[in-house]
N, C-alpha and C. Protein backbone atom coordinates (compact mmCIF):
# COMPACT_ATOMS: atom_id res chain seq x y z
N GLN A 1 92.00 83.54 104.99
CA GLN A 1 90.76 82.96 105.46
C GLN A 1 90.32 81.87 104.49
N VAL A 2 90.07 80.70 105.00
CA VAL A 2 89.66 79.58 104.17
C VAL A 2 88.16 79.61 103.93
N ARG A 3 87.77 79.34 102.71
CA ARG A 3 86.34 79.21 102.38
C ARG A 3 86.05 77.78 101.99
N LEU A 4 84.93 77.27 102.47
CA LEU A 4 84.46 75.94 102.10
C LEU A 4 83.14 76.11 101.36
N VAL A 5 83.04 75.51 100.18
CA VAL A 5 81.83 75.65 99.37
C VAL A 5 81.30 74.27 99.03
N GLU A 6 80.09 73.97 99.52
CA GLU A 6 79.46 72.69 99.25
C GLU A 6 78.63 72.75 97.96
N SER A 7 78.49 71.62 97.33
CA SER A 7 77.63 71.49 96.16
C SER A 7 77.18 70.05 96.04
N GLY A 8 76.20 69.82 95.17
CA GLY A 8 75.76 68.46 94.91
C GLY A 8 74.46 68.07 95.56
N GLY A 9 73.89 68.94 96.37
CA GLY A 9 72.62 68.62 96.99
C GLY A 9 71.49 68.66 95.98
N GLY A 10 70.32 68.20 96.41
CA GLY A 10 69.17 68.22 95.52
C GLY A 10 68.07 67.33 96.03
N LEU A 11 67.14 67.05 95.13
CA LEU A 11 65.99 66.20 95.45
C LEU A 11 66.19 64.83 94.82
N VAL A 12 66.00 63.79 95.61
CA VAL A 12 66.19 62.43 95.12
C VAL A 12 65.15 61.53 95.76
N GLN A 13 64.78 60.47 95.06
CA GLN A 13 63.83 59.52 95.64
C GLN A 13 64.53 58.58 96.61
N ALA A 14 63.77 58.06 97.53
CA ALA A 14 64.31 57.08 98.47
C ALA A 14 64.96 55.93 97.70
N GLY A 15 66.12 55.51 98.18
CA GLY A 15 66.88 54.47 97.51
C GLY A 15 67.89 55.00 96.52
N GLY A 16 67.81 56.27 96.22
CA GLY A 16 68.71 56.88 95.26
C GLY A 16 70.03 57.30 95.88
N SER A 17 70.84 57.97 95.06
CA SER A 17 72.18 58.39 95.48
C SER A 17 72.44 59.85 95.13
N LEU A 18 73.31 60.45 95.92
CA LEU A 18 73.83 61.78 95.64
C LEU A 18 75.28 61.82 96.07
N ARG A 19 76.06 62.67 95.43
CA ARG A 19 77.43 62.90 95.87
C ARG A 19 77.60 64.38 96.17
N LEU A 20 77.93 64.67 97.41
CA LEU A 20 78.20 66.04 97.82
C LEU A 20 79.69 66.32 97.69
N SER A 21 80.00 67.57 97.33
CA SER A 21 81.39 68.00 97.24
C SER A 21 81.60 69.20 98.16
N CYS A 22 82.79 69.29 98.71
CA CYS A 22 83.17 70.43 99.54
C CYS A 22 84.52 70.91 99.03
N ALA A 23 84.51 72.03 98.34
CA ALA A 23 85.74 72.57 97.77
C ALA A 23 86.30 73.65 98.69
N ALA A 24 87.58 73.50 99.02
CA ALA A 24 88.24 74.48 99.88
C ALA A 24 89.03 75.48 99.03
N SER A 25 89.14 76.71 99.54
CA SER A 25 89.84 77.75 98.79
C SER A 25 91.35 77.57 98.86
N GLY A 26 91.81 76.73 99.79
CA GLY A 26 93.23 76.47 99.89
C GLY A 26 93.50 75.00 100.03
N SER A 27 94.72 74.65 100.33
CA SER A 27 95.09 73.25 100.46
C SER A 27 94.41 72.60 101.65
N ILE A 28 93.80 71.44 101.41
CA ILE A 28 93.15 70.74 102.52
C ILE A 28 94.12 69.89 103.29
N PHE A 29 95.34 69.75 102.78
CA PHE A 29 96.32 68.92 103.46
C PHE A 29 96.67 69.50 104.83
N SER A 30 96.49 70.81 104.98
CA SER A 30 96.83 71.45 106.25
C SER A 30 95.81 71.16 107.35
N PHE A 31 94.65 70.66 106.97
CA PHE A 31 93.62 70.39 107.96
C PHE A 31 93.85 69.02 108.59
N ILE A 32 93.69 68.94 109.90
CA ILE A 32 93.89 67.67 110.57
C ILE A 32 92.70 66.74 110.34
N ALA A 33 91.57 67.31 109.99
CA ALA A 33 90.40 66.49 109.70
C ALA A 33 89.37 67.33 108.95
N MET A 34 88.55 66.65 108.17
CA MET A 34 87.42 67.29 107.51
C MET A 34 86.21 66.39 107.67
N GLY A 35 85.04 67.01 107.65
CA GLY A 35 83.86 66.18 107.88
C GLY A 35 82.59 66.82 107.39
N TRP A 36 81.51 66.09 107.63
CA TRP A 36 80.18 66.53 107.25
C TRP A 36 79.26 66.45 108.47
N TYR A 37 78.42 67.45 108.58
CA TYR A 37 77.35 67.47 109.56
C TYR A 37 76.05 67.71 108.80
N ARG A 38 74.94 67.44 109.45
CA ARG A 38 73.64 67.75 108.84
C ARG A 38 72.68 68.23 109.90
N GLN A 39 71.71 69.01 109.44
CA GLN A 39 70.69 69.51 110.34
C GLN A 39 69.35 69.47 109.64
N ALA A 40 68.44 68.71 110.21
CA ALA A 40 67.08 68.63 109.69
C ALA A 40 66.23 69.69 110.38
N PRO A 41 65.13 70.10 109.76
CA PRO A 41 64.27 71.12 110.36
C PRO A 41 63.80 70.71 111.75
N GLY A 42 63.97 71.62 112.70
CA GLY A 42 63.53 71.37 114.06
C GLY A 42 64.40 70.44 114.86
N LYS A 43 65.54 70.05 114.30
CA LYS A 43 66.41 69.10 115.00
C LYS A 43 67.80 69.71 115.25
N GLU A 44 68.53 69.09 116.16
CA GLU A 44 69.90 69.52 116.44
C GLU A 44 70.81 69.13 115.27
N ARG A 45 71.91 69.85 115.14
CA ARG A 45 72.90 69.47 114.13
C ARG A 45 73.50 68.13 114.51
N GLU A 46 73.69 67.30 113.52
CA GLU A 46 74.14 65.92 113.75
C GLU A 46 75.42 65.65 112.97
N TRP A 47 76.39 65.05 113.63
CA TRP A 47 77.62 64.66 112.95
C TRP A 47 77.32 63.48 112.01
N VAL A 48 77.93 63.51 110.82
CA VAL A 48 77.69 62.46 109.82
C VAL A 48 78.94 61.62 109.60
N ALA A 49 80.05 62.29 109.27
CA ALA A 49 81.27 61.54 108.95
C ALA A 49 82.47 62.45 109.06
N THR A 50 83.63 61.84 109.30
CA THR A 50 84.90 62.55 109.40
C THR A 50 85.98 61.75 108.70
N ILE A 51 86.87 62.46 108.02
CA ILE A 51 88.06 61.84 107.46
C ILE A 51 89.27 62.63 107.93
N VAL A 52 90.27 61.93 108.48
CA VAL A 52 91.44 62.61 108.99
C VAL A 52 92.51 62.70 107.91
N ARG A 53 93.56 63.44 108.23
CA ARG A 53 94.60 63.70 107.24
C ARG A 53 95.18 62.41 106.69
N GLY A 54 95.33 61.40 107.54
CA GLY A 54 95.90 60.14 107.10
C GLY A 54 94.96 59.30 106.24
N GLY A 55 93.69 59.69 106.19
CA GLY A 55 92.75 59.00 105.32
C GLY A 55 91.74 58.12 106.04
N SER A 56 91.91 57.91 107.34
CA SER A 56 90.94 57.10 108.08
C SER A 56 89.62 57.85 108.20
N ALA A 57 88.54 57.08 108.15
CA ALA A 57 87.21 57.69 108.19
C ALA A 57 86.36 57.07 109.29
N ASN A 58 85.44 57.87 109.81
CA ASN A 58 84.48 57.41 110.79
C ASN A 58 83.10 57.91 110.40
N TYR A 59 82.08 57.12 110.78
CA TYR A 59 80.72 57.45 110.38
C TYR A 59 79.76 57.34 111.56
N ALA A 60 78.71 58.14 111.50
CA ALA A 60 77.62 57.97 112.45
C ALA A 60 76.93 56.64 112.15
N ASP A 61 76.40 56.01 113.18
CA ASP A 61 75.73 54.72 112.99
C ASP A 61 74.59 54.82 111.98
N SER A 62 73.93 55.98 111.95
CA SER A 62 72.77 56.14 111.08
C SER A 62 73.12 56.13 109.60
N VAL A 63 74.38 56.34 109.25
CA VAL A 63 74.76 56.39 107.83
C VAL A 63 75.81 55.34 107.47
N LYS A 64 76.29 54.62 108.46
CA LYS A 64 77.34 53.62 108.22
C LYS A 64 76.85 52.60 107.19
N ASP A 65 77.74 52.23 106.29
CA ASP A 65 77.47 51.28 105.21
C ASP A 65 76.61 51.85 104.09
N ARG A 66 76.21 53.12 104.21
CA ARG A 66 75.47 53.77 103.13
C ARG A 66 76.21 54.99 102.58
N PHE A 67 76.94 55.68 103.44
CA PHE A 67 77.66 56.89 103.04
C PHE A 67 79.16 56.60 103.04
N THR A 68 79.88 57.28 102.14
CA THR A 68 81.33 57.16 102.07
C THR A 68 81.95 58.54 101.94
N ILE A 69 82.85 58.86 102.85
CA ILE A 69 83.57 60.13 102.78
C ILE A 69 84.95 59.88 102.17
N SER A 70 85.38 60.80 101.33
CA SER A 70 86.70 60.67 100.71
C SER A 70 87.27 62.06 100.47
N ARG A 71 88.56 62.10 100.18
CA ARG A 71 89.20 63.39 99.95
C ARG A 71 90.15 63.29 98.76
N ASP A 72 90.24 64.37 98.02
CA ASP A 72 91.16 64.48 96.90
C ASP A 72 92.04 65.69 97.19
N ASN A 73 93.23 65.44 97.70
CA ASN A 73 94.12 66.54 98.10
C ASN A 73 94.52 67.40 96.90
N ALA A 74 94.65 66.78 95.73
CA ALA A 74 95.05 67.54 94.54
C ALA A 74 93.98 68.55 94.14
N LYS A 75 92.72 68.21 94.41
CA LYS A 75 91.60 69.10 94.04
C LYS A 75 91.10 69.91 95.23
N ASN A 76 91.74 69.72 96.39
CA ASN A 76 91.31 70.43 97.61
C ASN A 76 89.83 70.24 97.88
N THR A 77 89.38 69.01 97.72
CA THR A 77 87.95 68.72 97.80
C THR A 77 87.71 67.46 98.62
N VAL A 78 86.65 67.53 99.42
CA VAL A 78 86.17 66.37 100.16
C VAL A 78 84.79 66.01 99.63
N TYR A 79 84.53 64.72 99.55
CA TYR A 79 83.27 64.25 98.99
C TYR A 79 82.49 63.44 100.03
N LEU A 80 81.19 63.41 99.84
CA LEU A 80 80.35 62.51 100.62
C LEU A 80 79.43 61.80 99.64
N GLN A 81 79.73 60.53 99.39
CA GLN A 81 78.90 59.71 98.53
C GLN A 81 77.79 59.11 99.37
N MET A 82 76.56 59.40 99.00
CA MET A 82 75.41 58.96 99.78
C MET A 82 74.57 58.01 98.93
N ASP A 83 74.49 56.77 99.35
CA ASP A 83 73.72 55.74 98.65
C ASP A 83 72.57 55.26 99.53
N SER A 84 71.63 54.59 98.91
CA SER A 84 70.48 54.04 99.64
C SER A 84 69.84 55.10 100.53
N LEU A 85 69.61 56.25 99.96
CA LEU A 85 69.10 57.37 100.75
C LEU A 85 67.70 57.10 101.26
N LYS A 86 67.44 57.62 102.45
CA LYS A 86 66.15 57.47 103.12
C LYS A 86 65.55 58.84 103.37
N PRO A 87 64.24 58.92 103.51
CA PRO A 87 63.62 60.24 103.81
C PRO A 87 64.21 60.90 105.05
N GLU A 88 64.62 60.11 106.02
CA GLU A 88 65.20 60.68 107.24
C GLU A 88 66.59 61.26 107.03
N ASP A 89 67.15 61.09 105.84
CA ASP A 89 68.43 61.73 105.52
C ASP A 89 68.22 63.17 105.05
N THR A 90 66.98 63.59 104.89
CA THR A 90 66.68 64.96 104.47
C THR A 90 67.21 65.95 105.48
N ALA A 91 68.04 66.89 105.02
CA ALA A 91 68.67 67.86 105.90
C ALA A 91 69.52 68.81 105.08
N VAL A 92 70.00 69.85 105.75
CA VAL A 92 71.05 70.69 105.17
C VAL A 92 72.38 70.09 105.61
N TYR A 93 73.22 69.77 104.63
CA TYR A 93 74.50 69.14 104.89
C TYR A 93 75.60 70.21 104.80
N SER A 94 76.41 70.27 105.84
CA SER A 94 77.48 71.26 105.90
C SER A 94 78.83 70.58 106.05
N CYS A 95 79.81 71.17 105.40
CA CYS A 95 81.18 70.67 105.44
C CYS A 95 81.95 71.44 106.52
N THR A 96 82.86 70.78 107.17
CA THR A 96 83.69 71.43 108.17
C THR A 96 85.13 70.98 108.03
N ALA A 97 86.05 71.86 108.40
CA ALA A 97 87.47 71.54 108.35
C ALA A 97 88.12 72.00 109.65
N ALA A 98 88.95 71.15 110.23
CA ALA A 98 89.59 71.45 111.50
C ALA A 98 91.06 71.79 111.29
N GLU A 99 91.43 72.94 111.82
CA GLU A 99 92.80 73.43 111.67
C GLU A 99 93.45 73.51 113.05
N GLN A 100 94.64 72.93 113.16
CA GLN A 100 95.36 73.00 114.43
C GLN A 100 96.08 74.33 114.52
N ARG A 101 95.74 75.11 115.53
CA ARG A 101 96.43 76.37 115.76
C ARG A 101 97.14 76.31 117.10
N LEU A 102 98.00 77.28 117.37
CA LEU A 102 98.72 77.32 118.65
C LEU A 102 97.74 77.40 119.82
N THR A 103 96.61 78.05 119.59
CA THR A 103 95.64 78.26 120.66
C THR A 103 94.62 77.13 120.75
N GLY A 104 94.73 76.16 119.85
CA GLY A 104 93.78 75.05 119.86
C GLY A 104 93.28 74.76 118.47
N ILE A 105 92.19 74.03 118.38
CA ILE A 105 91.63 73.65 117.09
C ILE A 105 90.57 74.66 116.66
N TYR A 106 90.69 75.11 115.42
CA TYR A 106 89.70 76.04 114.85
C TYR A 106 88.95 75.32 113.75
N ASN A 107 87.63 75.47 113.74
CA ASN A 107 86.80 74.81 112.74
C ASN A 107 86.22 75.80 111.74
N TYR A 108 86.45 75.52 110.47
CA TYR A 108 85.81 76.28 109.39
C TYR A 108 84.54 75.56 108.98
N TRP A 109 83.54 76.35 108.51
CA TRP A 109 82.27 75.78 108.07
C TRP A 109 81.87 76.31 106.71
N GLY A 110 81.23 75.47 105.94
CA GLY A 110 80.64 75.92 104.70
C GLY A 110 79.22 76.40 104.95
N GLN A 111 78.56 76.85 103.86
CA GLN A 111 77.23 77.43 104.01
C GLN A 111 76.14 76.37 103.98
N GLY A 112 76.47 75.18 103.54
CA GLY A 112 75.50 74.08 103.53
C GLY A 112 74.83 73.89 102.19
N THR A 113 74.38 72.66 101.97
CA THR A 113 73.63 72.33 100.76
C THR A 113 72.45 71.44 101.16
N GLN A 114 71.30 71.71 100.56
CA GLN A 114 70.08 71.02 100.93
C GLN A 114 69.98 69.67 100.23
N VAL A 115 69.69 68.64 101.01
CA VAL A 115 69.41 67.31 100.47
C VAL A 115 67.98 66.94 100.89
N THR A 116 67.16 66.62 99.91
CA THR A 116 65.78 66.23 100.19
C THR A 116 65.53 64.86 99.57
N VAL A 117 65.08 63.93 100.40
CA VAL A 117 64.81 62.57 99.94
C VAL A 117 63.31 62.33 100.05
N SER A 118 62.68 62.06 98.92
CA SER A 118 61.23 61.83 98.91
C SER A 118 60.93 60.35 99.04
N SER A 119 59.80 60.06 99.67
CA SER A 119 59.42 58.65 99.88
C SER A 119 58.61 58.10 98.72
């Protein structure tokens, strides 16, 4: 069973930066994709960014040009560098990993880390 553990959240002022980490208990090379989602209080969970095994990344329009997702296969870790943070980025950020199985794609989830951006 794979475990994903996020870290790096916290309180930051608007315009500041944070880097989130998602450490997997096993090799991340086996995952076809890894990504980040976020959920603000009272809102639906929102996709933030995805990086596939080959290294290509995609971003939600709301974070494009401000957030950068990357992966370090040697450390079994995925990162989300968040710059120019805005109060509307406040949410619990969760890491996810997609595994291809014979029966389809299975998604693992971390427990989430809180990011709070003050104005």
